[in-house]
Amino acid sequence: MKIILFTTFLLLSNLTHSASLTAGSKSVGIKLGGASIGSENYTIAGASINYFALDNLAVGAAYEYWFSGKPTVSKATVESTYYIPASAQFKPYVGLLYSRYFVEDNSDIDAYGYRVGIAYINSPMFFSAGLRQEKYTSDRAIFSNEDATGEFMIGFSF
């Protein structure tokens, strides 16, 4: 069984309109969370960076370090996320991602997946909540392929 809860503090820069994610905008985030895998409990810390290549389309990378459990795990991810311009403040999002897990004393594991959710933007605040799921490219997976994880973000524009 896997349980993951992330809180990401997202800092958005160059937002030209309070409720839009415009081309050229950037974001930097700090991730804090936890996971339980079997009897192991992990603390997770990480960082992310994104660039809005087009209006409402972010591309970026993230790094996470999982510690306080055995084995320790590092995770590097590249992702793209599209924020659907449903309204000025509410924007559902969908995204694709590719991750590489670096597991202590074991071979690396690759995974690909998706994320879905909704963002609420009320400048200078940015909130989002959603789910992400990954499928592993080998039989040696860290989690079950059926497990989705929750993600929550809190941010400020500047």
Protein backbone atom coordinates (compact mmCIF):
# COMPACT_ATOMS: atom_id res chain seq x y z
CA MET A 1 0.00 0.00 0.00
CA LYS A 2 1.25 3.44 -0.88
CA ILE A 3 0.17 6.74 0.57
CA ILE A 4 1.72 9.97 -0.63
CA LEU A 5 0.78 13.49 0.28
CA PHE A 6 2.66 16.44 -1.17
CA THR A 7 2.44 20.07 -0.38
CA THR A 8 4.27 22.16 -2.93
CA PHE A 9 5.00 25.80 -2.39
CA LEU A 10 4.92 27.24 -5.88
CA LEU A 11 6.39 30.64 -6.70
CA LEU A 12 5.15 32.04 -10.01
CA SER A 13 6.96 34.88 -11.70
CA ASN A 14 6.19 37.16 -14.64
CA LEU A 15 2.43 36.66 -14.45
CA THR A 16 1.04 39.44 -16.60
CA HIS A 17 -2.58 38.87 -15.60
CA SER A 18 -3.69 37.71 -12.17
CA ALA A 19 -5.58 34.67 -13.42
CA SER A 20 -3.61 33.62 -16.49
CA LEU A 21 -0.60 31.41 -16.96
CA THR A 22 0.98 33.19 -19.90
CA ALA A 23 3.83 32.24 -22.20
CA GLY A 24 7.15 33.24 -20.67
CA SER A 25 5.98 32.79 -17.05
CA LYS A 26 8.11 30.68 -14.75
CA SER A 27 7.51 28.80 -11.52
CA VAL A 28 9.76 27.41 -8.84
CA GLY A 29 8.41 25.07 -6.21
CA ILE A 30 9.49 23.38 -2.99
CA LYS A 31 7.97 19.99 -2.24
CA LEU A 32 7.40 18.56 1.23
CA GLY A 33 5.53 15.33 1.87
CA GLY A 34 5.53 11.77 3.01
CA ALA A 35 4.94 8.25 1.74
CA SER A 36 4.33 4.83 3.22
CA ILE A 37 5.44 1.74 1.33
CA GLY A 38 4.69 -1.44 3.21
CA SER A 39 6.18 -0.96 6.68
CA GLU A 40 8.51 1.87 5.57
CA ASN A 41 7.60 5.52 6.14
CA TYR A 42 9.41 8.12 4.06
CA THR A 43 9.85 11.86 4.37
CA ILE A 44 10.04 13.47 0.93
CA ALA A 45 11.69 16.79 0.08
CA GLY A 46 12.17 18.22 -3.38
CA ALA A 47 12.15 21.12 -5.78
CA SER A 48 10.62 21.87 -9.16
CA ILE A 49 10.98 24.41 -11.94
CA ASN A 50 8.56 25.10 -14.79
CA TYR A 51 8.43 27.35 -17.82
CA PHE A 52 5.23 28.29 -19.66
CA ALA A 53 6.23 27.65 -23.28
CA LEU A 54 2.74 28.67 -24.45
CA ASP A 55 -0.22 30.22 -22.67
CA ASN A 56 -1.46 27.64 -20.13
CA LEU A 57 1.21 25.03 -21.13
CA ALA A 58 4.03 24.46 -18.64
CA VAL A 59 7.07 22.24 -19.19
CA GLY A 60 9.43 21.50 -16.37
CA ALA A 61 11.53 19.25 -14.19
CA ALA A 62 11.46 18.15 -10.56
CA TYR A 63 13.73 16.34 -8.11
CA GLU A 64 12.70 14.51 -4.93
CA TYR A 65 14.73 12.87 -2.19
CA TRP A 66 13.00 10.18 -0.10
CA PHE A 67 14.63 9.54 3.26
CA SER A 68 13.89 8.15 6.75
CA GLY A 69 13.00 4.77 5.20
CA LYS A 70 15.06 1.99 3.66
CA PRO A 71 16.20 2.06 0.94
CA THR A 72 16.63 5.78 0.24
CA VAL A 73 15.22 6.90 -3.10
CA SER A 74 15.88 9.87 -5.38
CA LYS A 75 13.49 10.72 -8.18
CA ALA A 76 13.99 12.96 -11.22
CA THR A 77 10.94 13.90 -13.30
CA VAL A 78 10.29 15.80 -16.52
CA GLU A 79 6.71 16.84 -17.13
CA SER A 80 4.34 18.94 -19.14
CA THR A 81 1.05 20.32 -17.80
CA TYR A 82 -1.77 22.04 -19.65
CA TYR A 83 -4.12 24.29 -17.66
CA ILE A 84 -7.52 24.38 -19.36
CA PRO A 85 -8.75 28.01 -19.40
CA ALA A 86 -12.22 27.16 -18.05
CA SER A 87 -12.62 30.45 -16.19
CA ALA A 88 -10.50 33.33 -14.95
CA GLN A 89 -9.84 31.65 -11.59
CA PHE A 90 -10.54 27.90 -11.99
CA LYS A 91 -8.35 25.95 -14.38
CA PRO A 92 -8.54 22.15 -14.62
CA TYR A 93 -5.19 20.66 -15.60
CA VAL A 94 -3.88 17.54 -17.33
CA GLY A 95 -0.27 16.53 -17.71
CA LEU A 96 2.18 13.88 -18.82
CA LEU A 97 5.34 12.91 -16.97
CA TYR A 98 8.39 10.68 -17.11
CA SER A 99 10.29 9.76 -13.94
CA ARG A 100 13.53 7.97 -13.13
CA TYR A 101 13.90 6.48 -9.65
CA PHE A 102 17.40 6.04 -8.24
CA VAL A 103 17.09 3.38 -5.53
CA GLU A 104 19.93 2.84 -3.04
CA ASP A 105 21.88 -0.38 -3.80
CA ASN A 106 19.49 -1.34 -6.64
CA SER A 107 19.12 -0.65 -10.34
CA ASP A 108 17.26 2.45 -11.50
CA ILE A 109 13.56 2.30 -12.35
CA ASP A 110 11.80 4.24 -15.12
CA ALA A 111 8.14 5.25 -15.07
CA TYR A 112 5.75 7.32 -17.14
CA GLY A 113 2.38 8.68 -16.16
CA TYR A 114 -0.18 11.43 -16.00
CA ARG A 115 -1.59 14.00 -13.62
CA VAL A 116 -5.06 15.58 -13.46
CA GLY A 117 -6.59 18.15 -11.14
CA ILE A 118 -7.87 21.67 -10.75
CA ALA A 119 -6.07 24.92 -9.98
CA TYR A 120 -7.56 27.97 -8.33
CA ILE A 121 -5.80 31.27 -9.01
CA ASN A 122 -6.59 34.38 -6.99
CA SER A 123 -3.54 36.57 -7.36
CA PRO A 124 -1.20 36.49 -5.60
CA MET A 125 -2.34 33.02 -4.39
CA PHE A 126 -2.27 29.80 -6.42
CA PHE A 127 -3.85 26.56 -5.12
CA SER A 128 -4.21 23.22 -6.88
CA ALA A 129 -5.22 19.69 -6.01
CA GLY A 130 -5.15 16.58 -8.11
CA LEU A 131 -4.01 13.02 -8.69
CA ARG A 132 -1.01 11.54 -10.43
CA GLN A 133 -0.36 7.97 -11.49
CA GLU A 134 2.73 6.25 -12.86
CA LYS A 135 3.31 3.00 -14.74
CA TYR A 136 6.70 1.35 -14.40
CA THR A 137 8.62 0.13 -17.45
CA SER A 138 10.06 -2.92 -15.66
CA ASP A 139 8.70 -5.67 -13.44
CA ARG A 140 10.61 -4.16 -10.52
CA ALA A 141 8.26 -1.39 -9.48
CA ILE A 142 8.39 0.62 -6.29
CA PHE A 143 4.61 0.86 -6.12
CA SER A 144 1.68 -0.93 -7.67
CA ASN A 145 0.72 0.44 -11.10
CA GLU A 146 -2.85 0.89 -9.88
CA ASP A 147 -1.93 3.34 -7.12
CA ALA A 148 -2.66 7.03 -7.71
CA THR A 149 -1.14 9.67 -5.45
CA GLY A 150 -2.60 12.95 -4.28
CA GLU A 151 -0.84 16.23 -4.96
CA PHE A 152 -1.56 19.61 -3.44
CA MET A 153 0.12 22.92 -4.31
CA ILE A 154 0.10 26.30 -2.63
CA GLY A 155 1.83 29.19 -4.30
CA PHE A 156 2.29 32.94 -4.57
CA SER A 157 2.81 35.05 -7.67
CA PHE A 158 5.46 37.74 -7.72
